[in-house]
Protein backbone atom coordinates (compact mmCIF):
# COMPACT_ATOMS: atom_id res chain seq x y z
CA MET A 1 8.84 15.68 -48.02
CA GLY A 2 5.20 14.62 -47.76
CA HIS A 3 3.30 14.13 -44.55
CA ARG A 4 3.40 10.56 -43.31
CA LYS A 5 0.11 9.39 -41.85
CA VAL A 6 0.47 7.30 -38.73
CA HIS A 7 -2.08 4.52 -38.24
CA ALA A 8 -2.87 3.15 -34.79
CA PRO A 9 -5.60 0.76 -33.73
CA ARG A 10 -8.15 2.22 -31.37
CA ARG A 11 -8.26 0.80 -27.87
CA GLY A 12 -11.53 -0.60 -26.62
CA SER A 13 -14.73 -1.26 -28.52
CA LEU A 14 -17.26 1.54 -29.03
CA ALA A 15 -20.03 -1.02 -29.46
CA TYR A 16 -20.78 -1.06 -25.73
CA LEU A 17 -21.48 2.61 -25.20
CA PRO A 18 -22.64 4.30 -23.10
CA ARG A 19 -20.71 2.66 -20.29
CA SER A 20 -22.93 4.21 -17.67
CA ARG A 21 -24.15 2.62 -14.47
CA ALA A 22 -27.51 0.90 -14.72
CA SER A 23 -30.33 2.64 -12.88
CA ARG A 24 -31.90 -0.58 -11.57
CA TRP A 25 -30.83 -4.04 -10.49
CA LEU A 26 -33.26 -5.65 -12.93
CA GLY A 27 -32.67 -5.35 -16.66
CA ARG A 28 -35.25 -3.32 -18.59
CA VAL A 29 -36.97 -4.90 -21.61
CA ARG A 30 -36.92 -2.31 -24.41
CA TYR A 31 -38.33 -4.44 -27.22
CA TRP A 32 -40.79 -7.32 -27.42
CA PRO A 33 -41.19 -10.04 -30.08
CA THR A 34 -44.18 -9.63 -32.37
CA ASN A 35 -44.40 -13.06 -34.02
CA ILE A 36 -45.78 -15.11 -31.11
CA ARG A 37 -49.50 -15.86 -31.51
CA GLU A 38 -49.92 -18.09 -28.48
CA THR A 39 -51.48 -16.17 -25.60
CA LYS A 40 -48.92 -16.35 -22.82
CA ALA A 41 -46.37 -14.24 -20.98
CA LEU A 42 -43.32 -13.45 -23.10
CA ALA A 43 -40.78 -13.00 -20.29
CA PHE A 44 -39.78 -14.48 -16.96
CA ILE A 45 -37.32 -13.76 -14.15
CA GLY A 46 -34.68 -16.25 -13.04
CA TYR A 47 -31.85 -16.01 -10.53
CA LYS A 48 -28.39 -16.99 -11.68
CA ALA A 49 -27.09 -19.88 -9.59
CA GLY A 50 -23.90 -20.78 -11.44
CA MET A 51 -22.32 -22.54 -14.40
CA ARG A 52 -21.41 -26.12 -15.13
CA THR A 53 -20.02 -28.20 -18.00
CA ALA A 54 -22.24 -30.71 -19.80
CA VAL A 55 -21.14 -33.52 -22.09
CA GLY A 56 -23.34 -34.79 -24.90
CA VAL A 57 -23.70 -35.37 -28.63
CA ASP A 58 -23.67 -32.25 -30.83
CA ASN A 59 -26.95 -32.07 -32.77
CA ARG A 60 -26.38 -28.74 -34.58
CA GLN A 61 -26.72 -29.17 -38.33
CA GLY A 62 -23.66 -27.87 -40.17
CA SER A 63 -21.40 -27.96 -37.12
CA LEU A 64 -17.91 -29.38 -37.54
CA THR A 65 -18.54 -31.62 -34.55
CA PHE A 66 -22.03 -32.75 -35.61
CA GLY A 67 -22.79 -36.23 -34.28
CA LYS A 68 -19.74 -36.23 -32.02
CA GLU A 69 -19.53 -36.06 -28.26
CA ILE A 70 -18.56 -32.59 -27.08
CA ALA A 71 -18.37 -30.62 -23.85
CA PHE A 72 -20.22 -27.31 -23.72
CA PRO A 73 -20.91 -24.72 -20.98
CA ILE A 74 -24.33 -24.36 -19.41
CA THR A 75 -25.81 -21.84 -16.98
CA ILE A 76 -28.33 -22.86 -14.32
CA LEU A 77 -30.94 -20.31 -13.25
CA GLU A 78 -33.40 -20.88 -10.45
CA ALA A 79 -36.86 -19.81 -11.61
CA PRO A 80 -39.43 -19.84 -8.77
CA PRO A 81 -43.04 -19.23 -9.87
CA MET A 82 -44.10 -15.62 -10.43
CA ILE A 83 -47.41 -14.15 -9.28
CA ALA A 84 -49.60 -12.07 -11.59
CA VAL A 85 -50.30 -9.10 -9.32
CA ALA A 86 -51.89 -6.70 -11.84
CA LEU A 87 -52.96 -6.22 -15.41
CA ARG A 88 -52.43 -2.96 -17.26
CA ALA A 89 -54.34 -1.78 -20.33
CA TYR A 90 -52.84 0.56 -22.93
CA SER A 91 -54.51 2.75 -25.54
CA LYS A 92 -52.74 3.86 -28.70
CA THR A 93 -52.04 7.58 -29.21
CA PRO A 94 -50.03 9.53 -31.81
CA ASN A 95 -47.22 9.65 -29.23
CA GLY A 96 -47.24 5.90 -28.57
CA LEU A 97 -48.93 3.73 -25.97
CA GLN A 98 -50.61 5.47 -23.05
CA THR A 99 -51.85 3.79 -19.88
CA PHE A 100 -55.63 3.46 -19.94
CA THR A 101 -56.06 1.90 -16.50
CA GLU A 102 -54.79 -0.99 -14.39
CA ALA A 103 -56.31 -3.52 -12.00
CA TRP A 104 -54.44 -5.02 -9.04
CA VAL A 105 -55.20 -8.17 -7.11
CA GLU A 106 -57.44 -7.82 -4.08
CA LYS A 107 -55.01 -9.63 -1.79
CA PRO A 108 -51.44 -8.90 -2.96
CA PRO A 109 -48.50 -10.99 -1.66
CA LYS A 110 -47.17 -9.88 1.70
CA ASP A 111 -43.63 -9.32 0.39
CA LEU A 112 -44.96 -6.88 -2.22
CA THR A 113 -45.45 -4.30 0.54
CA ARG A 114 -41.66 -4.07 0.76
CA LEU A 115 -41.73 -2.26 -2.60
CA LEU A 116 -44.98 -0.29 -2.73
CA SER A 117 -48.28 0.46 -1.05
CA LEU A 118 -51.40 -0.18 -3.11
CA PRO A 119 -54.34 2.26 -3.10
CA GLU A 120 -57.66 1.02 -1.75
CA SER A 121 -59.93 3.65 -3.29
CA VAL A 122 -61.04 1.64 -6.35
CA SER A 123 -62.07 -1.99 -6.09
CA HIS A 124 -60.69 -4.83 -8.17
CA SER A 125 -63.98 -5.62 -9.93
CA GLU A 126 -64.63 -2.00 -10.94
CA LYS A 127 -61.31 -1.78 -12.76
CA LEU A 128 -61.87 -5.05 -14.62
CA ALA A 129 -65.35 -3.95 -15.64
CA LYS A 130 -63.99 -0.66 -16.96
CA ILE A 131 -61.41 -2.46 -19.10
CA GLU A 132 -63.91 -5.00 -20.41
CA SER A 133 -66.38 -2.31 -21.44
CA SER A 134 -63.67 -0.31 -23.26
CA LEU A 135 -61.90 -3.04 -25.22
CA ASP A 136 -62.55 -1.13 -28.45
CA LYS A 137 -60.33 1.68 -27.14
CA ILE A 138 -57.58 -0.60 -25.85
CA ASP A 139 -54.66 -1.58 -28.06
CA GLU A 140 -52.75 -3.88 -25.70
CA VAL A 141 -53.03 -5.59 -22.31
CA ARG A 142 -49.99 -6.54 -20.25
CA LEU A 143 -49.37 -8.37 -16.98
CA LEU A 144 -47.36 -7.21 -13.99
CA LEU A 145 -45.54 -10.21 -12.53
CA SER A 146 -43.95 -10.34 -9.10
CA SER A 147 -41.07 -12.71 -8.39
CA GLN A 148 -40.80 -14.80 -5.23
CA PRO A 149 -37.13 -14.80 -4.19
CA ARG A 150 -38.01 -16.04 -0.70
CA ILE A 151 -38.66 -19.48 -2.22
CA SER A 152 -35.08 -19.58 -3.49
CA ARG A 153 -33.70 -19.13 0.04
CA PHE A 154 -30.52 -17.35 -0.93
CA GLY A 155 -31.22 -14.38 1.35
CA LYS A 156 -33.39 -12.07 -0.73
CA LYS A 157 -36.92 -11.14 0.38
CA ALA A 158 -38.01 -8.10 -1.64
CA PRO A 159 -39.47 -9.22 -4.99
CA GLU A 160 -38.94 -7.77 -8.45
CA ILE A 161 -41.86 -6.50 -10.51
CA LEU A 162 -41.72 -7.05 -14.25
CA GLU A 163 -44.21 -5.73 -16.79
CA VAL A 164 -44.64 -8.46 -19.38
CA LYS A 165 -46.13 -8.27 -22.83
CA LEU A 166 -48.59 -11.03 -23.72
CA GLY A 167 -48.75 -13.02 -26.91
CA GLY A 168 -52.01 -13.15 -28.82
CA SER A 169 -53.55 -11.47 -31.81
CA THR A 170 -56.29 -9.34 -30.20
CA PRO A 171 -56.61 -7.28 -27.00
CA LYS A 172 -59.65 -9.37 -26.06
CA GLU A 173 -57.59 -12.57 -26.00
CA GLN A 174 -54.92 -10.84 -23.93
CA PHE A 175 -57.51 -9.49 -21.49
CA GLU A 176 -59.19 -12.86 -20.99
CA TYR A 177 -55.85 -14.53 -20.33
CA ALA A 178 -54.69 -11.78 -17.96
CA ARG A 179 -57.97 -11.80 -16.03
CA ASN A 180 -57.82 -15.57 -15.57
CA GLN A 181 -54.18 -15.45 -14.43
CA LEU A 182 -54.61 -12.52 -12.04
CA GLY A 183 -53.53 -13.58 -8.54
CA LYS A 184 -52.28 -16.98 -9.74
CA GLU A 185 -48.77 -18.37 -10.12
CA ILE A 186 -47.10 -18.57 -13.52
CA LYS A 187 -44.25 -21.06 -13.90
CA ALA A 188 -41.29 -20.94 -16.22
CA SER A 189 -42.61 -24.05 -17.95
CA ASP A 190 -45.78 -22.09 -18.82
CA THR A 191 -43.69 -19.49 -20.65
CA PHE A 192 -40.88 -21.53 -22.24
CA LYS A 193 -40.28 -25.08 -23.35
CA GLU A 194 -37.11 -27.01 -23.99
CA GLY A 195 -35.52 -26.00 -27.28
CA ASP A 196 -36.82 -22.41 -27.29
CA TRP A 197 -34.50 -19.52 -28.15
CA VAL A 198 -34.46 -16.84 -25.47
CA ASP A 199 -32.71 -13.53 -24.95
CA VAL A 200 -31.14 -12.84 -21.55
CA ILE A 201 -31.26 -9.29 -20.21
CA GLY A 202 -29.19 -8.63 -17.14
CA ILE A 203 -26.87 -6.28 -15.30
CA THR A 204 -23.19 -7.17 -15.53
CA LYS A 205 -20.85 -7.55 -12.58
CA GLY A 206 -19.92 -4.10 -11.21
CA LYS A 207 -16.28 -3.08 -10.93
CA GLY A 208 -16.63 0.52 -9.73
CA ILE A 209 -14.71 3.52 -11.07
CA GLN A 210 -11.67 2.46 -13.11
CA GLY A 211 -9.01 4.24 -15.14
CA PRO A 212 -8.58 4.14 -18.92
CA VAL A 213 -5.99 1.33 -18.83
CA LYS A 214 -8.36 -1.18 -17.24
CA ARG A 215 -11.57 0.30 -18.63
CA TRP A 216 -10.48 0.64 -22.26
CA GLY A 217 -7.30 -1.38 -22.50
CA ILE A 218 -5.01 1.46 -23.61
CA ARG A 219 -1.25 1.08 -23.51
CA LYS A 220 0.72 2.62 -20.66
CA LYS A 221 3.19 5.33 -21.63
CA PHE A 222 6.91 5.06 -20.96
CA HIS A 223 8.28 6.11 -17.61
CA LYS A 224 10.13 9.19 -18.86
CA SER A 225 7.61 10.36 -21.43
CA ARG A 226 4.91 11.76 -19.18
CA LYS A 227 4.12 12.14 -15.54
CA THR A 228 0.75 10.47 -16.18
CA VAL A 229 1.75 6.98 -17.29
CA ARG A 230 -1.77 5.50 -17.22
CA ALA A 231 -3.55 8.22 -19.25
CA VAL A 232 -3.92 8.82 -22.97
CA GLY A 233 -1.30 10.96 -24.68
CA SER A 234 -3.85 13.48 -25.94
CA ILE A 235 -7.54 13.99 -25.31
CA GLY A 236 -7.98 15.84 -28.61
CA GLY A 237 -7.04 18.90 -30.65
CA TRP A 238 -8.12 22.52 -30.35
CA HIS A 239 -11.09 21.87 -32.59
CA PRO A 240 -13.64 20.64 -31.77
CA HIS A 241 -13.42 22.45 -28.46
CA TYR A 242 -14.75 19.50 -26.46
CA VAL A 243 -13.55 16.00 -25.68
CA LEU A 244 -14.98 13.40 -28.06
CA TYR A 245 -16.94 10.49 -26.65
CA SER A 246 -14.53 8.04 -28.27
CA VAL A 247 -11.53 9.19 -26.22
CA PRO A 248 -10.75 6.64 -23.48
CA ARG A 249 -11.43 8.24 -20.12
CA ALA A 250 -11.86 7.04 -16.55
CA GLY A 251 -15.34 6.21 -15.33
CA GLN A 252 -17.81 3.52 -14.40
CA MET A 253 -16.81 -0.03 -15.31
CA GLY A 254 -19.31 -2.83 -15.03
CA PHE A 255 -22.88 -2.79 -13.73
CA HIS A 256 -24.12 -2.10 -17.26
CA GLN A 257 -27.30 -3.47 -18.79
CA ARG A 258 -26.53 -6.00 -21.49
CA THR A 259 -28.72 -8.13 -23.75
CA GLU A 260 -27.41 -11.40 -25.16
CA TYR A 261 -29.41 -12.97 -27.96
CA ASN A 262 -30.33 -16.55 -28.84
CA LYS A 263 -29.59 -18.67 -25.81
CA GLN A 264 -31.18 -22.09 -26.15
CA VAL A 265 -33.20 -23.58 -23.32
CA VAL A 266 -31.58 -26.96 -22.74
CA LYS A 267 -33.72 -28.17 -19.86
CA ILE A 268 -36.51 -27.07 -17.53
CA GLY A 269 -36.58 -29.14 -14.36
CA GLN A 270 -38.60 -29.39 -11.17
CA GLU A 271 -36.14 -30.95 -8.72
CA GLY A 272 -33.24 -28.63 -7.95
CA LYS A 273 -31.19 -31.44 -6.43
CA ASP A 274 -30.68 -32.86 -9.94
CA VAL A 275 -28.39 -29.96 -10.89
CA THR A 276 -27.13 -28.79 -7.48
CA PRO A 277 -23.53 -29.80 -6.71
CA LYS A 278 -22.57 -31.24 -3.37
CA GLY A 279 -22.42 -28.37 -0.91
CA GLY A 280 -24.44 -26.07 -3.16
CA PHE A 281 -23.43 -23.49 -5.73
CA LEU A 282 -20.65 -21.13 -4.76
CA ARG A 283 -22.12 -17.85 -3.39
CA TYR A 284 -25.65 -19.13 -4.00
CA GLY A 285 -26.43 -22.39 -2.21
CA GLU A 286 -28.91 -25.10 -3.13
CA ILE A 287 -31.68 -24.79 -5.71
CA LYS A 288 -35.09 -25.28 -4.10
CA ALA A 289 -37.55 -24.40 -6.89
CA GLN A 290 -37.97 -24.96 -10.60
CA TYR A 291 -34.84 -24.31 -12.65
CA VAL A 292 -33.91 -23.43 -16.23
CA VAL A 293 -30.71 -24.61 -17.92
CA LEU A 294 -29.38 -22.42 -20.75
CA ARG A 295 -26.59 -23.21 -23.16
CA GLY A 296 -23.81 -20.64 -22.88
CA THR A 297 -23.15 -17.80 -20.48
CA VAL A 298 -25.33 -15.21 -18.77
CA PRO A 299 -24.22 -11.71 -17.68
CA GLY A 300 -23.95 -10.86 -14.00
CA PRO A 301 -22.71 -12.54 -10.81
CA ALA A 302 -24.44 -15.24 -8.80
CA ARG A 303 -27.85 -14.32 -7.31
CA ARG A 304 -28.40 -11.63 -9.95
CA ALA A 305 -31.97 -11.43 -11.31
CA ILE A 306 -31.98 -12.20 -15.04
CA THR A 307 -34.86 -11.43 -17.40
CA LEU A 308 -35.54 -14.22 -19.89
CA ARG A 309 -37.42 -13.00 -22.97
CA HIS A 310 -38.63 -14.93 -25.98
CA GLY A 311 -36.02 -14.49 -28.68
CA VAL A 312 -36.61 -11.64 -31.12
CA ARG A 313 -33.99 -12.90 -33.60
CA GLY A 314 -34.26 -16.66 -33.25
CA GLY A 315 -36.31 -18.89 -35.49
CA GLU A 316 -38.42 -21.91 -34.66
CA SER A 317 -37.63 -24.04 -31.64
CA ALA A 318 -34.94 -26.64 -32.27
CA ALA A 319 -34.18 -29.88 -30.52
CA PRO A 320 -31.99 -29.04 -27.51
CA PRO A 321 -28.70 -30.89 -27.07
CA LYS A 322 -29.18 -34.00 -24.94
CA PHE A 323 -26.26 -34.12 -22.54
CA ASP A 324 -25.29 -37.52 -21.20
CA TYR A 325 -24.02 -36.19 -17.90
CA MET A 326 -23.08 -32.98 -16.13
CA TYR A 327 -20.07 -32.20 -14.01
CA LEU A 328 -21.44 -31.58 -10.51
CA GLU A 329 -18.25 -31.45 -8.51
CA SER A 330 -18.36 -29.73 -5.15
CA ALA A 331 -18.47 -25.95 -5.54
CA GLN A 332 -16.64 -25.51 -2.21
CA GLY A 333 -13.66 -27.55 -3.35
CA ARG A 334 -12.77 -25.44 -6.37
């Protein structure tokens, strides 16, 4: 009698490994788009306020509901202006980019001292002169942007610092733009426009340490089969003499960095009261600053800092869907 092979579907997707806890509250940008020639910042930070449902005419070519009125989910992020606190120059080496030097603003924002203390040994003008005289050695210039969560008034004071790549074809163009923007505010409307495709990088909602049933979705064993009902039947054979990474085990669930591609910017507004429901967003409050409306969902809970990056997979900007109205029922009554 031949051996009968037993097939069983694996539990849980391996596409989201490693399921380790993120090291920071702000998502890290690991790749930047290379096809943007306009000299501007390629990323921005917004704070997730909440979600709503919009109703409008579907304008996506090829869609089954093209030209019809549909309801679609939207996410509202409050995006207060960011301050350019420093510029950093990089030189190219066989091992990749290496920091050449950096220049900080002479009078940094007061809330920035909650994160770091700036040295006072080298002046602002000396650093800029050093970069300008060595542009032939520099391969790239980036900006360090500081968020202003105090404007949002949801309780956070310490800002986030994000190193942002600049568009432009030459380091000279990037340096001139960065020098002019140093110490000034950069708005979300300066970085994106309605219809752009953006990638959202954020930290998902944390759920702590969980077992394999909740973390991987494995099936519980029968009551009389094993003492451990909520564990896998076997963690592996004698060889290899270690537990494979694909075996469902207990561990950290949630609070992972995730990147979601191609979210379309539906609207960029100035008055937060236009999208704030009566009583404010649940667990967030009222929007006080400039806001960005994205089509679809965004990882993380309310008040989580989300990095918006110019899309690396999307094509040219398309006309955003024009919604006729938005459901703004009271968040406290849900």
